Amino acid sequence: PCLGELAGCHRLMHEIRLKEGFLPEATWLAMYEGEDGRTRE
């Protein structure tokens, strides 16, 4: 159920980040960047 709430996803990300085995090199984000260079999603 935490995945269905923005606050739950924030809490989950904080928990994942604090896990002892968190691996930054295996953690990625995809971003869409519009042709105008200002639109980011």
PDB file of all heavy atoms in Angstrom:
ATOM      1  N   PRO A   1       0.792  -1.236   0.000  1.00  0.00           N
ATOM      2  CA  PRO A   1       0.000   0.000   0.000  1.00  0.00           C
ATOM      3  C   PRO A   1       0.826   1.288   0.000  1.00  0.00           C
ATOM      4  O   PRO A   1       0.356   2.305  -0.528  1.00  0.00           O
ATOM      5  CB  PRO A   1      -0.844  -0.127   1.275  1.00  0.00           C
ATOM      6  CG  PRO A   1      -0.985  -1.606   1.475  1.00  0.00           C
ATOM      7  CD  PRO A   1       0.342  -2.177   1.038  1.00  0.00           C
ATOM      8  N   CYS A   2       2.039   1.271   0.517  1.00  0.00           N
ATOM      9  CA  CYS A   2       2.853   2.496   0.516  1.00  0.00           C
ATOM     10  C   CYS A   2       3.113   2.985  -0.906  1.00  0.00           C
ATOM     11  O   CYS A   2       3.305   4.186  -1.131  1.00  0.00           O
ATOM     12  CB  CYS A   2       4.172   2.283   1.256  1.00  0.00           C
ATOM     13  SG  CYS A   2       5.280   1.096   0.482  1.00  0.00           S
ATOM     14  N   LEU A   3       3.095   2.093  -1.896  1.00  0.00           N
ATOM     15  CA  LEU A   3       3.339   2.497  -3.281  1.00  0.00           C
ATOM     16  C   LEU A   3       2.183   3.290  -3.877  1.00  0.00           C
ATOM     17  O   LEU A   3       2.342   3.949  -4.900  1.00  0.00           O
ATOM     18  CB  LEU A   3       3.623   1.266  -4.154  1.00  0.00           C
ATOM     19  CG  LEU A   3       4.909   0.506  -3.840  1.00  0.00           C
ATOM     20  CD1 LEU A   3       4.993  -0.768  -4.673  1.00  0.00           C
ATOM     21  CD2 LEU A   3       6.131   1.378  -4.057  1.00  0.00           C
ATOM     22  N   GLY A   4       1.037   3.246  -3.243  1.00  0.00           N
ATOM     23  CA  GLY A   4      -0.130   3.964  -3.734  1.00  0.00           C
ATOM     24  C   GLY A   4      -0.291   5.351  -3.143  1.00  0.00           C
ATOM     25  O   GLY A   4      -1.259   6.039  -3.429  1.00  0.00           O
ATOM     26  N   GLU A   5       0.677   5.764  -2.316  1.00  0.00           N
ATOM     27  CA  GLU A   5       0.615   7.080  -1.675  1.00  0.00           C
ATOM     28  C   GLU A   5       1.954   7.778  -1.847  1.00  0.00           C
ATOM     29  O   GLU A   5       3.006   7.166  -1.644  1.00  0.00           O
ATOM     30  CB  GLU A   5       0.336   6.930  -0.182  1.00  0.00           C
ATOM     31  CG  GLU A   5      -0.935   6.179   0.145  1.00  0.00           C
ATOM     32  CD  GLU A   5      -1.045   5.846   1.628  1.00  0.00           C
ATOM     33  OE1 GLU A   5      -0.083   6.120   2.387  1.00  0.00           O
ATOM     34  OE2 GLU A   5      -2.086   5.301   2.013  1.00  0.00           O
ATOM     35  N   LEU A   6       1.922   9.063  -2.183  1.00  0.00           N
ATOM     36  CA  LEU A   6       3.164   9.812  -2.349  1.00  0.00           C
ATOM     37  C   LEU A   6       3.974   9.814  -1.054  1.00  0.00           C
ATOM     38  O   LEU A   6       5.193   9.578  -1.073  1.00  0.00           O
ATOM     39  CB  LEU A   6       2.878  11.239  -2.818  1.00  0.00           C
ATOM     40  CG  LEU A   6       4.089  12.110  -3.113  1.00  0.00           C
ATOM     41  CD1 LEU A   6       5.013  11.465  -4.149  1.00  0.00           C
ATOM     42  CD2 LEU A   6       3.640  13.489  -3.586  1.00  0.00           C
ATOM     43  N   ALA A   7       3.320  10.032   0.076  1.00  0.00           N
ATOM     44  CA  ALA A   7       4.030  10.025   1.365  1.00  0.00           C
ATOM     45  C   ALA A   7       4.641   8.649   1.638  1.00  0.00           C
ATOM     46  O   ALA A   7       5.752   8.548   2.181  1.00  0.00           O
ATOM     47  CB  ALA A   7       3.089  10.431   2.493  1.00  0.00           C
ATOM     48  N   GLY A   8       3.930   7.594   1.258  1.00  0.00           N
ATOM     49  CA  GLY A   8       4.452   6.241   1.436  1.00  0.00           C
ATOM     50  C   GLY A   8       5.691   5.997   0.592  1.00  0.00           C
ATOM     51  O   GLY A   8       6.642   5.347   1.031  1.00  0.00           O
ATOM     52  N   CYS A   9       5.706   6.523  -0.629  1.00  0.00           N
ATOM     53  CA  CYS A   9       6.876   6.375  -1.504  1.00  0.00           C
ATOM     54  C   CYS A   9       8.059   7.171  -0.958  1.00  0.00           C
ATOM     55  O   CYS A   9       9.206   6.712  -1.031  1.00  0.00           O
ATOM     56  CB  CYS A   9       6.533   6.799  -2.925  1.00  0.00           C
ATOM     57  SG  CYS A   9       5.415   5.631  -3.746  1.00  0.00           S
ATOM     58  N   HIS A  10       7.798   8.346  -0.396  1.00  0.00           N
ATOM     59  CA  HIS A  10       8.872   9.120   0.244  1.00  0.00           C
ATOM     60  C   HIS A  10       9.457   8.336   1.413  1.00  0.00           C
ATOM     61  O   HIS A  10      10.682   8.219   1.537  1.00  0.00           O
ATOM     62  CB  HIS A  10       8.351  10.461   0.733  1.00  0.00           C
ATOM     63  CG  HIS A  10       8.175  11.454  -0.355  1.00  0.00           C
ATOM     64  ND1 HIS A  10       7.427  12.596  -0.183  1.00  0.00           N
ATOM     65  CD2 HIS A  10       8.617  11.509  -1.624  1.00  0.00           C
ATOM     66  CE1 HIS A  10       7.434  13.301  -1.298  1.00  0.00           C
ATOM     67  NE2 HIS A  10       8.137  12.647  -2.191  1.00  0.00           N
ATOM     68  N   ARG A  11       8.581   7.789   2.249  1.00  0.00           N
ATOM     69  CA  ARG A  11       9.036   7.003   3.404  1.00  0.00           C
ATOM     70  C   ARG A  11       9.838   5.785   2.938  1.00  0.00           C
ATOM     71  O   ARG A  11      10.916   5.496   3.477  1.00  0.00           O
ATOM     72  CB  ARG A  11       7.817   6.589   4.231  1.00  0.00           C
ATOM     73  CG  ARG A  11       8.135   5.969   5.564  1.00  0.00           C
ATOM     74  CD  ARG A  11       6.877   5.709   6.404  1.00  0.00           C
ATOM     75  NE  ARG A  11       5.868   4.918   5.717  1.00  0.00           N
ATOM     76  CZ  ARG A  11       4.736   5.407   5.202  1.00  0.00           C
ATOM     77  NH1 ARG A  11       4.457   6.679   5.282  1.00  0.00           N
ATOM     78  NH2 ARG A  11       3.874   4.609   4.596  1.00  0.00           N
ATOM     79  N   LEU A  12       9.341   5.099   1.922  1.00  0.00           N
ATOM     80  CA  LEU A  12      10.030   3.921   1.401  1.00  0.00           C
ATOM     81  C   LEU A  12      11.413   4.278   0.868  1.00  0.00           C
ATOM     82  O   LEU A  12      12.395   3.577   1.123  1.00  0.00           O
ATOM     83  CB  LEU A  12       9.183   3.253   0.310  1.00  0.00           C
ATOM     84  CG  LEU A  12       9.764   2.005  -0.340  1.00  0.00           C
ATOM     85  CD1 LEU A  12      10.037   0.914   0.700  1.00  0.00           C
ATOM     86  CD2 LEU A  12       8.822   1.495  -1.414  1.00  0.00           C
ATOM     87  N   MET A  13      11.514   5.367   0.122  1.00  0.00           N
ATOM     88  CA  MET A  13      12.825   5.777  -0.410  1.00  0.00           C
ATOM     89  C   MET A  13      13.797   6.103   0.725  1.00  0.00           C
ATOM     90  O   MET A  13      14.976   5.741   0.656  1.00  0.00           O
ATOM     91  CB  MET A  13      12.694   6.979  -1.349  1.00  0.00           C
ATOM     92  CG  MET A  13      12.322   6.619  -2.766  1.00  0.00           C
ATOM     93  SD  MET A  13      13.392   5.373  -3.552  1.00  0.00           S
ATOM     94  CE  MET A  13      15.011   6.097  -3.368  1.00  0.00           C
ATOM     95  N   HIS A  14      13.322   6.775   1.764  1.00  0.00           N
ATOM     96  CA  HIS A  14      14.188   7.070   2.913  1.00  0.00           C
ATOM     97  C   HIS A  14      14.669   5.764   3.565  1.00  0.00           C
ATOM     98  O   HIS A  14      15.844   5.633   3.911  1.00  0.00           O
ATOM     99  CB  HIS A  14      13.465   7.947   3.935  1.00  0.00           C
ATOM    100  CG  HIS A  14      13.373   9.383   3.533  1.00  0.00           C
ATOM    101  ND1 HIS A  14      14.418  10.267   3.656  1.00  0.00           N
ATOM    102  CD2 HIS A  14      12.350  10.084   2.990  1.00  0.00           C
ATOM    103  CE1 HIS A  14      14.046  11.456   3.217  1.00  0.00           C
ATOM    104  NE2 HIS A  14      12.796  11.367   2.787  1.00  0.00           N
ATOM    105  N   GLU A  15      13.759   4.786   3.693  1.00  0.00           N
ATOM    106  CA  GLU A  15      14.123   3.500   4.301  1.00  0.00           C
ATOM    107  C   GLU A  15      15.143   2.756   3.444  1.00  0.00           C
ATOM    108  O   GLU A  15      16.107   2.194   3.967  1.00  0.00           O
ATOM    109  CB  GLU A  15      12.873   2.645   4.520  1.00  0.00           C
ATOM    110  CG  GLU A  15      11.974   3.184   5.608  1.00  0.00           C
ATOM    111  CD  GLU A  15      10.635   2.468   5.688  1.00  0.00           C
ATOM    112  OE1 GLU A  15      10.411   1.481   4.938  1.00  0.00           O
ATOM    113  OE2 GLU A  15       9.792   2.908   6.495  1.00  0.00           O
ATOM    114  N   ILE A  16      14.929   2.739   2.142  1.00  0.00           N
ATOM    115  CA  ILE A  16      15.878   2.066   1.246  1.00  0.00           C
ATOM    116  C   ILE A  16      17.244   2.736   1.348  1.00  0.00           C
ATOM    117  O   ILE A  16      18.271   2.066   1.457  1.00  0.00           O
ATOM    118  CB  ILE A  16      15.354   2.074  -0.212  1.00  0.00           C
ATOM    119  CG1 ILE A  16      14.154   1.148  -0.349  1.00  0.00           C
ATOM    120  CG2 ILE A  16      16.470   1.677  -1.194  1.00  0.00           C
ATOM    121  CD1 ILE A  16      13.414   1.265  -1.684  1.00  0.00           C
ATOM    122  N   ARG A  17      17.269   4.056   1.329  1.00  0.00           N
ATOM    123  CA  ARG A  17      18.529   4.803   1.393  1.00  0.00           C
ATOM    124  C   ARG A  17      19.295   4.517   2.679  1.00  0.00           C
ATOM    125  O   ARG A  17      20.525   4.499   2.688  1.00  0.00           O
ATOM    126  CB  ARG A  17      18.250   6.313   1.267  1.00  0.00           C
ATOM    127  CG  ARG A  17      19.442   7.206   1.501  1.00  0.00           C
ATOM    128  CD  ARG A  17      20.539   6.915   0.465  1.00  0.00           C
ATOM    129  NE  ARG A  17      21.722   7.669   0.721  1.00  0.00           N
ATOM    130  CZ  ARG A  17      22.791   7.216   1.373  1.00  0.00           C
ATOM    131  NH1 ARG A  17      22.783   5.992   1.884  1.00  0.00           N
ATOM    132  NH2 ARG A  17      23.855   7.965   1.526  1.00  0.00           N
ATOM    133  N   LEU A  18      18.584   4.258   3.772  1.00  0.00           N
ATOM    134  CA  LEU A  18      19.234   4.027   5.063  1.00  0.00           C
ATOM    135  C   LEU A  18      19.615   2.569   5.304  1.00  0.00           C
ATOM    136  O   LEU A  18      20.294   2.272   6.284  1.00  0.00           O
ATOM    137  CB  LEU A  18      18.335   4.523   6.199  1.00  0.00           C
ATOM    138  CG  LEU A  18      18.109   6.038   6.228  1.00  0.00           C
ATOM    139  CD1 LEU A  18      17.112   6.409   7.325  1.00  0.00           C
ATOM    140  CD2 LEU A  18      19.428   6.785   6.400  1.00  0.00           C
ATOM    141  N   LYS A  19      19.196   1.662   4.412  1.00  0.00           N
ATOM    142  CA  LYS A  19      19.558   0.245   4.581  1.00  0.00           C
ATOM    143  C   LYS A  19      21.075   0.097   4.538  1.00  0.00           C
ATOM    144  O   LYS A  19      21.752   0.749   3.740  1.00  0.00           O
ATOM    145  CB  LYS A  19      18.926  -0.618   3.495  1.00  0.00           C
ATOM    146  CG  LYS A  19      17.464  -0.885   3.712  1.00  0.00           C
ATOM    147  CD  LYS A  19      16.944  -1.835   2.643  1.00  0.00           C
ATOM    148  CE  LYS A  19      15.482  -2.048   2.821  1.00  0.00           C
ATOM    149  NZ  LYS A  19      15.181  -3.275   3.501  1.00  0.00           N
ATOM    150  N   GLU A  20      21.578  -0.776   5.354  1.00  0.00           N
ATOM    151  CA  GLU A  20      23.023  -0.997   5.427  1.00  0.00           C
ATOM    152  C   GLU A  20      23.606  -1.384   4.072  1.00  0.00           C
ATOM    153  O   GLU A  20      24.697  -0.975   3.715  1.00  0.00           O
ATOM    154  CB  GLU A  20      23.336  -2.084   6.467  1.00  0.00           C
ATOM    155  CG  GLU A  20      24.803  -2.307   6.680  1.00  0.00           C
ATOM    156  CD  GLU A  20      25.080  -3.325   7.758  1.00  0.00           C
ATOM    157  OE1 GLU A  20      24.278  -3.440   8.701  1.00  0.00           O
ATOM    158  OE2 GLU A  20      26.118  -4.018   7.653  1.00  0.00           O
ATOM    159  N   GLY A  21      22.889  -2.153   3.289  1.00  0.00           N
ATOM    160  CA  GLY A  21      23.398  -2.627   2.007  1.00  0.00           C
ATOM    161  C   GLY A  21      23.051  -1.760   0.808  1.00  0.00           C
ATOM    162  O   GLY A  21      23.246  -2.184  -0.335  1.00  0.00           O
ATOM    163  N   PHE A  22      22.544  -0.547   1.033  1.00  0.00           N
ATOM    164  CA  PHE A  22      22.176   0.318  -0.080  1.00  0.00           C
ATOM    165  C   PHE A  22      23.361   0.498  -1.026  1.00  0.00           C
ATOM    166  O   PHE A  22      24.477   0.782  -0.597  1.00  0.00           O
ATOM    167  CB  PHE A  22      21.709   1.684   0.443  1.00  0.00           C
ATOM    168  CG  PHE A  22      21.383   2.660  -0.649  1.00  0.00           C
ATOM    169  CD1 PHE A  22      20.241   2.503  -1.420  1.00  0.00           C
ATOM    170  CD2 PHE A  22      22.218   3.733  -0.916  1.00  0.00           C
ATOM    171  CE1 PHE A  22      19.928   3.415  -2.425  1.00  0.00           C
ATOM    172  CE2 PHE A  22      21.921   4.649  -1.915  1.00  0.00           C
ATOM    173  CZ  PHE A  22      20.779   4.476  -2.674  1.00  0.00           C
ATOM    174  N   LEU A  23      23.108   0.312  -2.334  1.00  0.00           N
ATOM    175  CA  LEU A  23      24.173   0.430  -3.342  1.00  0.00           C
ATOM    176  C   LEU A  23      23.854   1.583  -4.300  1.00  0.00           C
ATOM    177  O   LEU A  23      23.044   1.433  -5.215  1.00  0.00           O
ATOM    178  CB  LEU A  23      24.314  -0.868  -4.142  1.00  0.00           C
ATOM    179  CG  LEU A  23      24.953  -2.040  -3.420  1.00  0.00           C
ATOM    180  CD1 LEU A  23      24.910  -3.292  -4.277  1.00  0.00           C
ATOM    181  CD2 LEU A  23      26.377  -1.717  -3.027  1.00  0.00           C
ATOM    182  N   PRO A  24      24.496   2.723  -4.107  1.00  0.00           N
ATOM    183  CA  PRO A  24      24.261   3.844  -5.021  1.00  0.00           C
ATOM    184  C   PRO A  24      24.526   3.486  -6.477  1.00  0.00           C
ATOM    185  O   PRO A  24      23.816   3.964  -7.370  1.00  0.00           O
ATOM    186  CB  PRO A  24      25.248   4.910  -4.527  1.00  0.00           C
ATOM    187  CG  PRO A  24      25.515   4.555  -3.104  1.00  0.00           C
ATOM    188  CD  PRO A  24      25.423   3.052  -3.038  1.00  0.00           C
ATOM    189  N   GLU A  25      25.520   2.638  -6.743  1.00  0.00           N
ATOM    190  CA  GLU A  25      25.860   2.292  -8.117  1.00  0.00           C
ATOM    191  C   GLU A  25      24.806   1.420  -8.801  1.00  0.00           C
ATOM    192  O   GLU A  25      24.849   1.231 -10.010  1.00  0.00           O
ATOM    193  CB  GLU A  25      27.238   1.647  -8.196  1.00  0.00           C
ATOM    194  CG  GLU A  25      27.419   0.402  -7.345  1.00  0.00           C
ATOM    195  CD  GLU A  25      27.979   0.656  -5.950  1.00  0.00           C
ATOM    196  OE1 GLU A  25      27.365   1.431  -5.184  1.00  0.00           O
ATOM    197  OE2 GLU A  25      29.007   0.075  -5.624  1.00  0.00           O
ATOM    198  N   ALA A  26      23.835   0.915  -8.021  1.00  0.00           N
ATOM    199  CA  ALA A  26      22.743   0.111  -8.583  1.00  0.00           C
ATOM    200  C   ALA A  26      21.410   0.847  -8.479  1.00  0.00           C
ATOM    201  O   ALA A  26      20.353   0.235  -8.587  1.00  0.00           O
ATOM    202  CB  ALA A  26      22.668  -1.241  -7.871  1.00  0.00           C
ATOM    203  N   THR A  27      21.460   2.160  -8.270  1.00  0.00           N
ATOM    204  CA  THR A  27      20.266   2.975  -8.067  1.00  0.00           C
ATOM    205  C   THR A  27      20.261   4.105  -9.094  1.00  0.00           C
ATOM    206  O   THR A  27      21.194   4.911  -9.137  1.00  0.00           O
ATOM    207  CB  THR A  27      20.251   3.522  -6.626  1.00  0.00           C
ATOM    208  OG1 THR A  27      20.264   2.402  -5.719  1.00  0.00           O
ATOM    209  CG2 THR A  27      19.027   4.376  -6.372  1.00  0.00           C
ATOM    210  N   TRP A  28      19.211   4.146  -9.924  1.00  0.00           N
ATOM    211  CA  TRP A  28      19.168   5.051 -11.071  1.00  0.00           C
ATOM    212  C   TRP A  28      17.803   5.694 -11.217  1.00  0.00           C
ATOM    213  O   TRP A  28      16.797   5.142 -10.778  1.00  0.00           O
ATOM    214  CB  TRP A  28      19.522   4.284 -12.348  1.00  0.00           C
ATOM    215  CG  TRP A  28      20.938   3.831 -12.339  1.00  0.00           C
ATOM    216  CD1 TRP A  28      21.425   2.679 -11.770  1.00  0.00           C
ATOM    217  CD2 TRP A  28      22.056   4.528 -12.868  1.00  0.00           C
ATOM    218  NE1 TRP A  28      22.784   2.638 -11.929  1.00  0.00           N
ATOM    219  CE2 TRP A  28      23.204   3.759 -12.598  1.00  0.00           C
ATOM    220  CE3 TRP A  28      22.198   5.738 -13.548  1.00  0.00           C
ATOM    221  CZ2 TRP A  28      24.470   4.151 -12.987  1.00  0.00           C
ATOM    222  CZ3 TRP A  28      23.470   6.130 -13.947  1.00  0.00           C
ATOM    223  CH2 TRP A  28      24.585   5.342 -13.662  1.00  0.00           C
ATOM    224  N   LEU A  29      17.794   6.829 -11.900  1.00  0.00           N
ATOM    225  CA  LEU A  29      16.582   7.574 -12.164  1.00  0.00           C
ATOM    226  C   LEU A  29      16.559   7.921 -13.652  1.00  0.00           C
ATOM    227  O   LEU A  29      17.571   8.343 -14.205  1.00  0.00           O
ATOM    228  CB  LEU A  29      16.590   8.865 -11.329  1.00  0.00           C
ATOM    229  CG  LEU A  29      15.371   9.761 -11.350  1.00  0.00           C
ATOM    230  CD1 LEU A  29      14.161   9.060 -10.711  1.00  0.00           C
ATOM    231  CD2 LEU A  29      15.673  11.059 -10.590  1.00  0.00           C
ATOM    232  N   ALA A  30      15.396   7.725 -14.299  1.00  0.00           N
ATOM    233  CA  ALA A  30      15.237   8.122 -15.702  1.00  0.00           C
ATOM    234  C   ALA A  30      14.511   9.458 -15.735  1.00  0.00           C
ATOM    235  O   ALA A  30      13.553   9.678 -14.994  1.00  0.00           O
ATOM    236  CB  ALA A  30      14.435   7.074 -16.476  1.00  0.00           C
ATOM    237  N   MET A  31      14.989  10.335 -16.612  1.00  0.00           N
ATOM    238  CA  MET A  31      14.402  11.654 -16.732  1.00  0.00           C
ATOM    239  C   MET A  31      14.121  11.955 -18.197  1.00  0.00           C
ATOM    240  O   MET A  31      14.971  11.725 -19.053  1.00  0.00           O
ATOM    241  CB  MET A  31      15.356  12.714 -16.173  1.00  0.00           C
ATOM    242  CG  MET A  31      14.790  14.127 -16.243  1.00  0.00           C
ATOM    243  SD  MET A  31      15.899  15.363 -15.535  1.00  0.00           S
ATOM    244  CE  MET A  31      17.138  15.467 -16.816  1.00  0.00           C
ATOM    245  N   TYR A  32      12.918  12.464 -18.452  1.00  0.00           N
ATOM    246  CA  TYR A  32      12.566  12.978 -19.761  1.00  0.00           C
ATOM    247  C   TYR A  32      12.913  14.460 -19.754  1.00  0.00           C
ATOM    248  O   TYR A  32      12.581  15.181 -18.817  1.00  0.00           O
ATOM    249  CB  TYR A  32      11.067  12.791 -20.033  1.00  0.00           C
ATOM    250  CG  TYR A  32      10.590  13.547 -21.238  1.00  0.00           C
ATOM    251  CD1 TYR A  32      10.781  13.035 -22.510  1.00  0.00           C
ATOM    252  CD2 TYR A  32       9.965  14.779 -21.104  1.00  0.00           C
ATOM    253  CE1 TYR A  32      10.348  13.736 -23.626  1.00  0.00           C
ATOM    254  CE2 TYR A  32       9.529  15.482 -22.212  1.00  0.00           C
ATOM    255  CZ  TYR A  32       9.726  14.957 -23.470  1.00  0.00           C
ATOM    256  OH  TYR A  32       9.310  15.659 -24.565  1.00  0.00           O
ATOM    257  N   GLU A  33      13.597  14.890 -20.806  1.00  0.00           N
ATOM    258  CA  GLU A  33      13.961  16.303 -20.928  1.00  0.00           C
ATOM    259  C   GLU A  33      13.429  16.805 -22.258  1.00  0.00           C
ATOM    260  O   GLU A  33      13.857  16.341 -23.314  1.00  0.00           O
ATOM    261  CB  GLU A  33      15.471  16.454 -20.844  1.00  0.00           C
ATOM    262  CG  GLU A  33      15.948  17.864 -20.672  1.00  0.00           C
ATOM    263  CD  GLU A  33      17.423  17.908 -20.333  1.00  0.00           C
ATOM    264  OE1 GLU A  33      18.200  17.204 -20.994  1.00  0.00           O
ATOM    265  OE2 GLU A  33      17.773  18.647 -19.415  1.00  0.00           O
ATOM    266  N   GLY A  34      12.498  17.745 -22.202  1.00  0.00           N
ATOM    267  CA  GLY A  34      11.881  18.279 -23.406  1.00  0.00           C
ATOM    268  C   GLY A  34      12.866  19.012 -24.292  1.00  0.00           C
ATOM    269  O   GLY A  34      13.958  19.397 -23.859  1.00  0.00           O
ATOM    270  N   GLU A  35      12.479  19.194 -25.531  1.00  0.00           N
ATOM    271  CA  GLU A  35      13.350  19.864 -26.498  1.00  0.00           C
ATOM    272  C   GLU A  35      13.704  21.288 -26.088  1.00  0.00           C
ATOM    273  O   GLU A  35      14.746  21.803 -26.468  1.00  0.00           O
ATOM    274  CB  GLU A  35      12.704  19.854 -27.880  1.00  0.00           C
ATOM    275  CG  GLU A  35      12.642  18.460 -28.469  1.00  0.00           C
ATOM    276  CD  GLU A  35      12.095  18.458 -29.880  1.00  0.00           C
ATOM    277  OE1 GLU A  35      12.244  19.475 -30.579  1.00  0.00           O
ATOM    278  OE2 GLU A  35      11.536  17.427 -30.270  1.00  0.00           O
ATOM    279  N   ASP A  36      12.831  21.919 -25.296  1.00  0.00           N
ATOM    280  CA  ASP A  36      13.111  23.290 -24.859  1.00  0.00           C
ATOM    281  C   ASP A  36      14.188  23.338 -23.775  1.00  0.00           C
ATOM    282  O   ASP A  36      14.662  24.407 -23.425  1.00  0.00           O
ATOM    283  CB  ASP A  36      11.836  23.975 -24.364  1.00  0.00           C
ATOM    284  CG  ASP A  36      11.211  23.282 -23.160  1.00  0.00           C
ATOM    285  OD1 ASP A  36      11.810  22.335 -22.600  1.00  0.00           O
ATOM    286  OD2 ASP A  36      10.107  23.691 -22.764  1.00  0.00           O
ATOM    287  N   GLY A  37      14.584  22.170 -23.236  1.00  0.00           N
ATOM    288  CA  GLY A  37      15.617  22.114 -22.206  1.00  0.00           C
ATOM    289  C   GLY A  37      15.122  22.490 -20.823  1.00  0.00           C
ATOM    290  O   GLY A  37      15.839  22.350 -19.845  1.00  0.00           O
ATOM    291  N   ARG A  38      13.888  22.945 -20.723  1.00  0.00           N
ATOM    292  CA  ARG A  38      13.336  23.349 -19.421  1.00  0.00           C
ATOM    293  C   ARG A  38      12.331  22.346 -18.888  1.00  0.00           C
ATOM    294  O   ARG A  38      12.133  22.264 -17.687  1.00  0.00           O
ATOM    295  CB  ARG A  38      12.686  24.721 -19.527  1.00  0.00           C
ATOM    296  CG  ARG A  38      13.701  25.833 -19.765  1.00  0.00           C
ATOM    297  CD  ARG A  38      12.996  27.126 -19.948  1.00  0.00           C
ATOM    298  NE  ARG A  38      12.269  27.027 -21.224  1.00  0.00           N
ATOM    299  CZ  ARG A  38      11.643  28.016 -21.799  1.00  0.00           C
ATOM    300  NH1 ARG A  38      11.597  29.177 -21.227  1.00  0.00           N
ATOM    301  NH2 ARG A  38      11.043  27.848 -22.959  1.00  0.00           N
ATOM    302  N   THR A  39      11.668  21.608 -19.765  1.00  0.00           N
ATOM    303  CA  THR A  39      10.677  20.622 -19.350  1.00  0.00           C
ATOM    304  C   THR A  39      11.408  19.378 -18.874  1.00  0.00           C
ATOM    305  O   THR A  39      12.148  18.753 -19.645  1.00  0.00           O
ATOM    306  CB  THR A  39       9.742  20.255 -20.524  1.00  0.00           C
ATOM    307  OG1 THR A  39       9.163  21.448 -21.025  1.00  0.00           O
ATOM    308  CG2 THR A  39       8.684  19.271 -20.089  1.00  0.00           C
ATOM    309  N   ARG A  40      11.214  19.048 -17.612  1.00  0.00           N
ATOM    310  CA  ARG A  40      11.843  17.856 -17.036  1.00  0.00           C
ATOM    311  C   ARG A  40      10.798  17.046 -16.301  1.00  0.00           C
ATOM    312  O   ARG A  40       9.986  17.597 -15.567  1.00  0.00           O
ATOM    313  CB  ARG A  40      12.970  18.246 -16.084  1.00  0.00           C
ATOM    314  CG  ARG A  40      14.121  18.847 -16.812  1.00  0.00           C
ATOM    315  CD  ARG A  40      15.278  19.056 -15.907  1.00  0.00           C
ATOM    316  NE  ARG A  40      16.393  19.512 -16.718  1.00  0.00           N
ATOM    317  CZ  ARG A  40      17.423  20.141 -16.251  1.00  0.00           C
ATOM    318  NH1 ARG A  40      17.528  20.361 -14.966  1.00  0.00           N
ATOM    319  NH2 ARG A  40      18.396  20.514 -17.055  1.00  0.00           N
ATOM    320  N   GLU A  41      10.867  15.746 -16.525  1.00  0.00           N
ATOM    321  CA  GLU A  41       9.916  14.840 -15.879  1.00  0.00           C
ATOM    322  C   GLU A  41      10.686  13.588 -15.481  1.00  0.00           C
ATOM    323  O   GLU A  41      11.332  12.958 -16.318  1.00  0.00           O
ATOM    324  CB  GLU A  41       8.813  14.494 -16.876  1.00  0.00           C
ATOM    325  CG  GLU A  41       7.914  13.383 -16.460  1.00  0.00           C
ATOM    326  CD  GLU A  41       7.089  12.864 -17.634  1.00  0.00           C
ATOM    327  OE1 GLU A  41       6.827  13.620 -18.583  1.00  0.00           O
ATOM    328  OE2 GLU A  41       6.732  11.677 -17.586  1.00  0.00           O
TER     329      GLU A  41
END
